[in-house]
Amino acid sequence: MHNETSTGVVSDIGAVRRAIDAAKHPALLLVDTISSLGSIDYRHDAWGVDVTVAGSQKGLMLPPGLSFNAVSEKAIAASKNSKMLKSFWSWDDMLAVNSNGWFPYTPATNLLYGLSEACDMLLEEGLDSVFARHTRHGEATRLAVTAWVSRSCAAIPRPTRAR
């Protein structure tokens, strides 16, 4: 998971990849970016991720309803060579028509129009500016919570010891 929604913890995905590689383990690296895509810098190819899963909600500013996968050649080969039954991890239908812009299933057309607008908004602001804004807001939230906790603890009466 790149970013855990409720805590705001961000994982160092590049370090995870390096650990997998250092162990010489053949595992695929799958990363959930549902709350980080469009909010925090993410590098699928540069970090050696095999499968990235994202959704339209949260950082992409849309209602839930769209799911995205970025898939490495290693993941595609693993899917093709796997003898297990699969649906979600079988990308053949989507890849076959992806180059011409078609969808092999019923598309959520209204969300795709919204996604186009959201991408325009993100690119207009500039991704570096978007990421910096999210960092500032996160830090402001952490500072506010720290101040609230400090004040709340200071207001709690302390028991006195009998002598």
N, C-alpha and C. Protein backbone atom coordinates (compact mmCIF):
# COMPACT_ATOMS: atom_id res chain seq x y z
N MET A 1 0.84 -1.15 0.00
CA MET A 1 0.00 0.00 0.00
C MET A 1 0.90 1.23 0.00
N HIS A 2 0.73 2.10 -0.98
CA HIS A 2 1.56 3.29 -1.06
C HIS A 2 1.20 4.27 0.05
N ASN A 3 -0.07 4.52 0.26
CA ASN A 3 -0.52 5.42 1.32
C ASN A 3 -1.72 4.80 2.02
N GLU A 4 -1.65 4.74 3.35
CA GLU A 4 -2.76 4.20 4.12
C GLU A 4 -3.67 5.37 4.50
N THR A 5 -4.91 5.31 4.08
CA THR A 5 -5.82 6.44 4.18
C THR A 5 -6.00 6.97 5.59
N SER A 6 -6.33 6.11 6.54
CA SER A 6 -6.71 6.61 7.86
C SER A 6 -5.56 7.17 8.67
N THR A 7 -4.34 6.72 8.42
CA THR A 7 -3.19 7.20 9.18
C THR A 7 -2.31 8.16 8.38
N GLY A 8 -2.41 8.12 7.07
CA GLY A 8 -1.56 8.95 6.23
C GLY A 8 -0.16 8.41 6.07
N VAL A 9 0.09 7.19 6.54
CA VAL A 9 1.43 6.59 6.42
C VAL A 9 1.72 6.31 4.95
N VAL A 10 2.90 6.74 4.50
CA VAL A 10 3.33 6.52 3.12
C VAL A 10 4.46 5.51 3.13
N SER A 11 4.32 4.46 2.32
CA SER A 11 5.34 3.42 2.23
C SER A 11 6.40 3.80 1.21
N ASP A 12 7.64 3.43 1.48
CA ASP A 12 8.75 3.64 0.57
C ASP A 12 8.78 2.45 -0.40
N ILE A 13 8.05 2.60 -1.49
CA ILE A 13 7.88 1.48 -2.44
C ILE A 13 9.21 1.11 -3.09
N GLY A 14 10.04 2.10 -3.38
CA GLY A 14 11.36 1.80 -3.95
C GLY A 14 12.18 0.91 -3.03
N ALA A 15 12.09 1.16 -1.72
CA ALA A 15 12.82 0.33 -0.74
C ALA A 15 12.26 -1.09 -0.70
N VAL A 16 10.96 -1.22 -0.85
CA VAL A 16 10.35 -2.56 -0.88
C VAL A 16 10.88 -3.32 -2.09
N ARG A 17 10.91 -2.65 -3.25
CA ARG A 17 11.44 -3.30 -4.46
C ARG A 17 12.89 -3.73 -4.25
N ARG A 18 13.69 -2.83 -3.66
CA ARG A 18 15.10 -3.15 -3.44
C ARG A 18 15.25 -4.35 -2.50
N ALA A 19 14.40 -4.45 -1.49
CA ALA A 19 14.45 -5.59 -0.57
C ALA A 19 14.10 -6.89 -1.29
N ILE A 20 13.07 -6.85 -2.14
CA ILE A 20 12.68 -8.04 -2.91
C ILE A 20 13.84 -8.47 -3.81
N ASP A 21 14.43 -7.48 -4.49
CA ASP A 21 15.54 -7.78 -5.40
C ASP A 21 16.76 -8.30 -4.64
N ALA A 22 17.07 -7.69 -3.48
CA ALA A 22 18.22 -8.13 -2.69
C ALA A 22 18.05 -9.57 -2.21
N ALA A 23 16.80 -9.95 -1.94
CA ALA A 23 16.52 -11.33 -1.50
C ALA A 23 16.46 -12.30 -2.68
N LYS A 24 16.55 -11.74 -3.89
CA LYS A 24 16.44 -12.53 -5.12
C LYS A 24 15.15 -13.36 -5.15
N HIS A 25 14.09 -12.74 -4.66
CA HIS A 25 12.79 -13.41 -4.61
C HIS A 25 12.01 -13.10 -5.89
N PRO A 26 11.33 -14.07 -6.46
CA PRO A 26 10.62 -13.85 -7.72
C PRO A 26 9.24 -13.18 -7.56
N ALA A 27 8.87 -12.80 -6.35
CA ALA A 27 7.53 -12.24 -6.10
C ALA A 27 7.25 -11.02 -6.96
N LEU A 28 6.00 -10.90 -7.35
CA LEU A 28 5.55 -9.69 -8.01
C LEU A 28 5.30 -8.62 -6.94
N LEU A 29 5.61 -7.38 -7.25
CA LEU A 29 5.33 -6.27 -6.34
C LEU A 29 4.03 -5.62 -6.79
N LEU A 30 2.99 -5.77 -5.97
CA LEU A 30 1.68 -5.17 -6.23
C LEU A 30 1.48 -4.03 -5.25
N VAL A 31 1.05 -2.87 -5.74
CA VAL A 31 0.90 -1.69 -4.89
C VAL A 31 -0.49 -1.09 -5.05
N ASP A 32 -1.14 -0.83 -3.93
CA ASP A 32 -2.43 -0.15 -3.86
C ASP A 32 -2.15 1.35 -3.79
N THR A 33 -2.62 2.11 -4.79
CA THR A 33 -2.43 3.56 -4.81
C THR A 33 -3.77 4.29 -4.75
N ILE A 34 -4.79 3.63 -4.23
CA ILE A 34 -6.14 4.21 -4.28
C ILE A 34 -6.19 5.57 -3.60
N SER A 35 -5.50 5.75 -2.46
CA SER A 35 -5.57 7.06 -1.82
C SER A 35 -4.39 7.95 -2.15
N SER A 36 -3.43 7.46 -2.93
CA SER A 36 -2.26 8.30 -3.21
C SER A 36 -2.18 8.79 -4.65
N LEU A 37 -2.76 8.06 -5.60
CA LEU A 37 -2.62 8.46 -7.00
C LEU A 37 -3.25 9.84 -7.20
N GLY A 38 -2.47 10.77 -7.68
CA GLY A 38 -2.93 12.13 -7.87
C GLY A 38 -2.71 13.01 -6.64
N SER A 39 -2.20 12.42 -5.55
CA SER A 39 -1.97 13.18 -4.32
C SER A 39 -0.51 13.15 -3.87
N ILE A 40 0.17 12.04 -4.15
CA ILE A 40 1.54 11.83 -3.70
C ILE A 40 2.33 11.29 -4.89
N ASP A 41 3.57 11.73 -5.01
CA ASP A 41 4.41 11.26 -6.11
C ASP A 41 4.48 9.74 -6.10
N TYR A 42 4.25 9.14 -7.25
CA TYR A 42 4.28 7.68 -7.39
C TYR A 42 4.94 7.34 -8.71
N ARG A 43 5.84 6.37 -8.71
CA ARG A 43 6.64 6.02 -9.89
C ARG A 43 6.57 4.53 -10.19
N HIS A 44 5.55 4.10 -10.90
CA HIS A 44 5.36 2.68 -11.21
C HIS A 44 6.60 2.08 -11.86
N ASP A 45 7.05 2.64 -12.96
CA ASP A 45 8.19 2.08 -13.69
C ASP A 45 9.50 2.29 -12.95
N ALA A 46 9.75 3.49 -12.49
CA ALA A 46 11.03 3.81 -11.84
C ALA A 46 11.26 2.98 -10.58
N TRP A 47 10.18 2.66 -9.88
CA TRP A 47 10.32 1.89 -8.65
C TRP A 47 10.20 0.39 -8.88
N GLY A 48 10.03 -0.04 -10.12
CA GLY A 48 9.99 -1.46 -10.44
C GLY A 48 8.74 -2.17 -9.95
N VAL A 49 7.62 -1.47 -9.96
CA VAL A 49 6.35 -2.07 -9.52
C VAL A 49 5.81 -2.96 -10.64
N ASP A 50 5.26 -4.10 -10.28
CA ASP A 50 4.70 -5.01 -11.29
C ASP A 50 3.22 -4.75 -11.54
N VAL A 51 2.46 -4.48 -10.49
CA VAL A 51 1.03 -4.17 -10.65
C VAL A 51 0.69 -3.02 -9.72
N THR A 52 0.14 -1.96 -10.30
CA THR A 52 -0.39 -0.86 -9.52
C THR A 52 -1.90 -0.88 -9.66
N VAL A 53 -2.58 -0.82 -8.53
CA VAL A 53 -4.04 -0.78 -8.52
C VAL A 53 -4.44 0.61 -8.02
N ALA A 54 -5.33 1.25 -8.74
CA ALA A 54 -5.80 2.58 -8.34
C ALA A 54 -7.31 2.65 -8.53
N GLY A 55 -7.89 3.68 -7.99
CA GLY A 55 -9.32 3.91 -8.13
C GLY A 55 -9.59 5.37 -8.42
N SER A 56 -10.80 5.66 -8.85
CA SER A 56 -11.14 7.02 -9.25
C SER A 56 -11.37 7.95 -8.07
N GLN A 57 -11.68 7.39 -6.91
CA GLN A 57 -11.98 8.22 -5.74
C GLN A 57 -10.69 8.75 -5.12
N LYS A 58 -10.80 9.62 -4.21
CA LYS A 58 -9.72 10.21 -3.42
C LYS A 58 -8.87 11.13 -4.29
N GLY A 59 -7.61 10.82 -4.56
CA GLY A 59 -6.71 11.75 -5.22
C GLY A 59 -7.15 12.17 -6.62
N LEU A 60 -7.92 11.36 -7.29
CA LEU A 60 -8.39 11.72 -8.63
C LEU A 60 -9.72 12.47 -8.59
N MET A 61 -10.23 12.71 -7.39
CA MET A 61 -11.36 13.63 -7.16
C MET A 61 -12.68 13.20 -7.78
N LEU A 62 -12.91 11.92 -7.96
CA LEU A 62 -14.14 11.42 -8.56
C LEU A 62 -14.85 10.50 -7.59
N PRO A 63 -16.12 10.20 -7.86
CA PRO A 63 -16.78 9.16 -7.06
C PRO A 63 -16.14 7.81 -7.33
N PRO A 64 -16.31 6.84 -6.43
CA PRO A 64 -15.83 5.49 -6.71
C PRO A 64 -16.52 4.94 -7.97
N GLY A 65 -15.87 4.06 -8.66
CA GLY A 65 -16.50 3.44 -9.81
C GLY A 65 -15.53 3.04 -10.90
N LEU A 66 -14.36 3.65 -10.93
CA LEU A 66 -13.34 3.25 -11.90
C LEU A 66 -12.17 2.62 -11.17
N SER A 67 -11.59 1.61 -11.78
CA SER A 67 -10.39 0.98 -11.24
C SER A 67 -9.36 0.94 -12.36
N PHE A 68 -8.12 1.15 -11.99
CA PHE A 68 -7.04 1.18 -12.96
C PHE A 68 -5.95 0.22 -12.53
N ASN A 69 -5.33 -0.41 -13.50
CA ASN A 69 -4.15 -1.23 -13.26
C ASN A 69 -3.05 -0.75 -14.19
N ALA A 70 -1.85 -0.59 -13.66
CA ALA A 70 -0.65 -0.46 -14.48
C ALA A 70 0.06 -1.80 -14.29
N VAL A 71 0.50 -2.41 -15.38
CA VAL A 71 0.97 -3.79 -15.33
C VAL A 71 2.30 -3.93 -16.06
N SER A 72 3.27 -4.53 -15.39
CA SER A 72 4.58 -4.76 -16.01
C SER A 72 4.53 -5.99 -16.92
N GLU A 73 5.54 -6.11 -17.77
CA GLU A 73 5.67 -7.29 -18.62
C GLU A 73 5.79 -8.56 -17.76
N LYS A 74 6.49 -8.46 -16.63
CA LYS A 74 6.64 -9.60 -15.72
C LYS A 74 5.28 -10.06 -15.20
N ALA A 75 4.41 -9.11 -14.85
CA ALA A 75 3.08 -9.45 -14.34
C ALA A 75 2.21 -10.06 -15.45
N ILE A 76 2.32 -9.53 -16.65
CA ILE A 76 1.56 -10.08 -17.77
C ILE A 76 1.99 -11.52 -18.04
N ALA A 77 3.30 -11.75 -18.03
CA ALA A 77 3.81 -13.11 -18.24
C ALA A 77 3.34 -14.04 -17.12
N ALA A 78 3.38 -13.57 -15.88
CA ALA A 78 2.93 -14.40 -14.75
C ALA A 78 1.46 -14.76 -14.90
N SER A 79 0.65 -13.81 -15.35
CA SER A 79 -0.78 -14.07 -15.54
C SER A 79 -1.00 -15.10 -16.65
N LYS A 80 -0.26 -14.96 -17.74
CA LYS A 80 -0.42 -15.89 -18.86
C LYS A 80 0.06 -17.29 -18.50
N ASN A 81 1.11 -17.38 -17.70
CA ASN A 81 1.68 -18.69 -17.34
C ASN A 81 0.99 -19.35 -16.17
N SER A 82 0.18 -18.61 -15.45
CA SER A 82 -0.50 -19.16 -14.28
C SER A 82 -1.60 -20.12 -14.70
N LYS A 83 -1.69 -21.22 -14.00
CA LYS A 83 -2.74 -22.21 -14.28
C LYS A 83 -3.98 -21.98 -13.41
N MET A 84 -3.89 -21.01 -12.50
CA MET A 84 -5.02 -20.73 -11.61
C MET A 84 -6.13 -20.00 -12.36
N LEU A 85 -7.37 -20.24 -11.96
CA LEU A 85 -8.48 -19.48 -12.52
C LEU A 85 -8.35 -18.04 -12.06
N LYS A 86 -8.63 -17.10 -12.94
CA LYS A 86 -8.53 -15.70 -12.57
C LYS A 86 -9.49 -14.87 -13.42
N SER A 87 -9.88 -13.77 -12.87
CA SER A 87 -10.69 -12.82 -13.61
C SER A 87 -10.02 -11.46 -13.52
N PHE A 88 -9.91 -10.92 -12.30
CA PHE A 88 -9.36 -9.59 -12.12
C PHE A 88 -7.90 -9.51 -12.58
N TRP A 89 -7.13 -10.56 -12.39
CA TRP A 89 -5.71 -10.54 -12.73
C TRP A 89 -5.44 -11.04 -14.15
N SER A 90 -6.46 -11.13 -14.97
CA SER A 90 -6.31 -11.50 -16.37
C SER A 90 -6.55 -10.23 -17.20
N TRP A 91 -5.50 -9.73 -17.80
CA TRP A 91 -5.59 -8.44 -18.48
C TRP A 91 -5.71 -8.58 -20.00
N ASP A 92 -5.80 -9.79 -20.51
CA ASP A 92 -5.78 -10.01 -21.96
C ASP A 92 -6.86 -9.23 -22.71
N ASP A 93 -8.11 -9.29 -22.23
CA ASP A 93 -9.20 -8.60 -22.94
C ASP A 93 -8.95 -7.09 -23.01
N MET A 94 -8.52 -6.52 -21.90
CA MET A 94 -8.30 -5.08 -21.84
C MET A 94 -7.11 -4.67 -22.71
N LEU A 95 -6.02 -5.44 -22.64
CA LEU A 95 -4.84 -5.11 -23.43
C LEU A 95 -5.11 -5.23 -24.93
N ALA A 96 -5.95 -6.17 -25.31
CA ALA A 96 -6.23 -6.39 -26.73
C ALA A 96 -6.88 -5.17 -27.39
N VAL A 97 -7.71 -4.46 -26.66
CA VAL A 97 -8.42 -3.32 -27.27
C VAL A 97 -7.92 -1.97 -26.76
N ASN A 98 -7.01 -2.00 -25.80
CA ASN A 98 -6.53 -0.77 -25.17
C ASN A 98 -5.89 0.20 -26.16
N SER A 99 -5.13 -0.31 -27.11
CA SER A 99 -4.40 0.56 -28.03
C SER A 99 -5.32 1.39 -28.92
N ASN A 100 -6.54 0.92 -29.17
CA ASN A 100 -7.45 1.69 -30.01
C ASN A 100 -8.50 2.47 -29.21
N GLY A 101 -8.36 2.45 -27.87
CA GLY A 101 -9.24 3.27 -27.05
C GLY A 101 -10.57 2.64 -26.70
N TRP A 102 -10.78 1.40 -27.06
CA TRP A 102 -12.04 0.74 -26.76
C TRP A 102 -11.99 0.06 -25.40
N PHE A 103 -13.16 -0.24 -24.91
CA PHE A 103 -13.33 -0.90 -23.62
C PHE A 103 -13.99 -2.25 -23.88
N PRO A 104 -13.48 -3.35 -23.35
CA PRO A 104 -14.12 -4.65 -23.61
C PRO A 104 -15.38 -4.87 -22.78
N TYR A 105 -15.66 -3.96 -21.87
CA TYR A 105 -16.82 -4.09 -20.99
C TYR A 105 -17.63 -2.81 -21.04
N THR A 106 -18.72 -2.75 -20.33
CA THR A 106 -19.52 -1.53 -20.30
C THR A 106 -18.77 -0.45 -19.52
N PRO A 107 -18.39 0.63 -20.19
CA PRO A 107 -17.63 1.67 -19.49
C PRO A 107 -18.54 2.59 -18.68
N ALA A 108 -17.98 3.15 -17.62
CA ALA A 108 -18.68 4.17 -16.83
C ALA A 108 -18.38 5.51 -17.50
N THR A 109 -19.07 5.76 -18.60
CA THR A 109 -18.76 6.90 -19.47
C THR A 109 -18.74 8.23 -18.71
N ASN A 110 -19.72 8.45 -17.83
CA ASN A 110 -19.74 9.72 -17.10
C ASN A 110 -18.49 9.88 -16.23
N LEU A 111 -18.01 8.80 -15.64
CA LEU A 111 -16.79 8.87 -14.83
C LEU A 111 -15.55 9.09 -15.70
N LEU A 112 -15.57 8.54 -16.90
CA LEU A 112 -14.44 8.76 -17.81
C LEU A 112 -14.35 10.23 -18.22
N TYR A 113 -15.49 10.88 -18.45
CA TYR A 113 -15.49 12.33 -18.73
C TYR A 113 -14.99 13.09 -17.51
N GLY A 114 -15.42 12.68 -16.33
CA GLY A 114 -14.94 13.31 -15.11
C GLY A 114 -13.45 13.11 -14.92
N LEU A 115 -12.96 11.91 -15.23
CA LEU A 115 -11.53 11.62 -15.12
C LEU A 115 -10.72 12.51 -16.05
N SER A 116 -11.22 12.72 -17.25
CA SER A 116 -10.54 13.59 -18.20
C SER A 116 -10.41 15.00 -17.62
N GLU A 117 -11.50 15.51 -17.04
CA GLU A 117 -11.48 16.84 -16.43
C GLU A 117 -10.56 16.88 -15.22
N ALA A 118 -10.60 15.84 -14.38
CA ALA A 118 -9.74 15.79 -13.20
C ALA A 118 -8.26 15.80 -13.61
N CYS A 119 -7.92 15.03 -14.64
CA CYS A 119 -6.54 15.01 -15.12
C CYS A 119 -6.13 16.39 -15.64
N ASP A 120 -7.04 17.05 -16.37
CA ASP A 120 -6.74 18.41 -16.84
C ASP A 120 -6.48 19.34 -15.66
N MET A 121 -7.30 19.24 -14.60
CA MET A 121 -7.13 20.09 -13.43
C MET A 121 -5.79 19.83 -12.74
N LEU A 122 -5.44 18.55 -12.57
CA LEU A 122 -4.17 18.20 -11.93
C LEU A 122 -2.99 18.71 -12.74
N LEU A 123 -3.04 18.53 -14.06
CA LEU A 123 -1.94 18.96 -14.91
C LEU A 123 -1.86 20.48 -14.99
N GLU A 124 -3.01 21.15 -14.95
CA GLU A 124 -3.01 22.62 -14.96
C GLU A 124 -2.34 23.18 -13.71
N GLU A 125 -2.66 22.61 -12.56
CA GLU A 125 -2.00 23.04 -11.32
C GLU A 125 -0.53 22.63 -11.31
N GLY A 126 -0.22 21.51 -11.94
CA GLY A 126 1.15 20.97 -11.94
C GLY A 126 1.28 19.94 -10.84
N LEU A 127 1.73 18.75 -11.19
CA LEU A 127 1.80 17.68 -10.20
C LEU A 127 2.69 18.03 -9.01
N ASP A 128 3.81 18.71 -9.24
CA ASP A 128 4.67 19.10 -8.12
C ASP A 128 3.90 20.01 -7.16
N SER A 129 3.10 20.91 -7.69
CA SER A 129 2.29 21.81 -6.84
C SER A 129 1.21 21.03 -6.10
N VAL A 130 0.58 20.09 -6.78
CA VAL A 130 -0.46 19.26 -6.14
C VAL A 130 0.15 18.47 -4.98
N PHE A 131 1.29 17.83 -5.22
CA PHE A 131 1.94 17.04 -4.18
C PHE A 131 2.36 17.93 -3.01
N ALA A 132 2.90 19.12 -3.31
CA ALA A 132 3.31 20.05 -2.25
C ALA A 132 2.10 20.51 -1.44
N ARG A 133 0.98 20.76 -2.11
CA ARG A 133 -0.25 21.18 -1.40
C ARG A 133 -0.71 20.08 -0.45
N HIS A 134 -0.71 18.84 -0.90
CA HIS A 134 -1.12 17.74 -0.04
C HIS A 134 -0.15 17.57 1.14
N THR A 135 1.13 17.76 0.90
CA THR A 135 2.12 17.69 1.98
C THR A 135 1.85 18.78 3.01
N ARG A 136 1.61 20.01 2.55
CA ARG A 136 1.31 21.13 3.47
C ARG A 136 0.07 20.86 4.29
N HIS A 137 -0.99 20.40 3.64
CA HIS A 137 -2.25 20.13 4.36
C HIS A 137 -2.07 18.99 5.37
N GLY A 138 -1.31 17.97 5.01
CA GLY A 138 -1.05 16.87 5.93
C GLY A 138 -0.27 17.34 7.15
N GLU A 139 0.75 18.15 6.90
CA GLU A 139 1.55 18.67 8.02
C GLU A 139 0.71 19.59 8.90
N ALA A 140 -0.13 20.42 8.30
CA ALA A 140 -1.00 21.31 9.09
C ALA A 140 -1.95 20.49 9.95
N THR A 141 -2.47 19.41 9.42
CA THR A 141 -3.37 18.55 10.19
C THR A 141 -2.64 17.91 11.36
N ARG A 142 -1.44 17.40 11.12
CA ARG A 142 -0.66 16.79 12.21
C ARG A 142 -0.33 17.81 13.30
N LEU A 143 0.04 19.04 12.91
CA LEU A 143 0.34 20.09 13.90
C LEU A 143 -0.91 20.45 14.71
N ALA A 144 -2.06 20.54 14.04
CA ALA A 144 -3.30 20.87 14.74
C ALA A 144 -3.66 19.78 15.75
N VAL A 145 -3.56 18.54 15.35
CA VAL A 145 -3.89 17.43 16.26
C VAL A 145 -2.93 17.43 17.45
N THR A 146 -1.64 17.65 17.19
CA THR A 146 -0.67 17.71 18.28
C THR A 146 -1.03 18.82 19.27
N ALA A 147 -1.40 19.98 18.75
CA ALA A 147 -1.78 21.10 19.62
C ALA A 147 -3.04 20.77 20.42
N TRP A 148 -4.02 20.15 19.78
CA TRP A 148 -5.26 19.80 20.48
C TRP A 148 -4.99 18.81 21.60
N VAL A 149 -4.16 17.82 21.31
CA VAL A 149 -3.84 16.81 22.33
C VAL A 149 -3.09 17.46 23.49
N SER A 150 -2.13 18.33 23.17
CA SER A 150 -1.36 19.00 24.22
C SER A 150 -2.28 19.83 25.12
N ARG A 151 -3.18 20.59 24.50
CA ARG A 151 -4.12 21.41 25.30
C ARG A 151 -5.05 20.54 26.11
N SER A 152 -5.54 19.47 25.51
CA SER A 152 -6.45 18.58 26.24
C SER A 152 -5.77 17.94 27.44
N CYS A 153 -4.53 17.52 27.25
CA CYS A 153 -3.80 16.89 28.35
C CYS A 153 -3.48 17.91 29.44
N ALA A 154 -3.19 19.14 29.04
CA ALA A 154 -2.88 20.18 30.02
C ALA A 154 -4.10 20.53 30.85
N ALA A 155 -5.29 20.36 30.29
CA ALA A 155 -6.53 20.72 31.00
C ALA A 155 -7.00 19.63 31.95
N ILE A 156 -6.41 18.46 31.90
CA ILE A 156 -6.83 17.36 32.77
C ILE A 156 -6.27 17.61 34.17
N PRO A 157 -7.14 17.65 35.19
CA PRO A 157 -6.63 17.85 36.55
C PRO A 157 -5.71 16.71 36.96
N ARG A 158 -4.62 17.05 37.60
CA ARG A 158 -3.66 16.06 38.06
C ARG A 158 -3.99 15.70 39.52
N PRO A 159 -3.97 14.44 39.83
CA PRO A 159 -4.23 14.04 41.23
C PRO A 159 -3.09 14.51 42.12
N THR A 160 -3.43 14.91 43.32
CA THR A 160 -2.38 15.31 44.27
C THR A 160 -2.14 14.14 45.20
N ARG A 161 -0.92 14.06 45.68
CA ARG A 161 -0.56 12.97 46.58
C ARG A 161 -0.74 13.43 48.02
N ALA A 162 -1.33 12.59 48.79
CA ALA A 162 -1.49 12.88 50.22
C ALA A 162 -0.12 12.65 50.88
N ARG A 163 0.21 13.52 51.82
CA ARG A 163 1.51 13.38 52.49
C ARG A 163 1.32 12.92 53.88
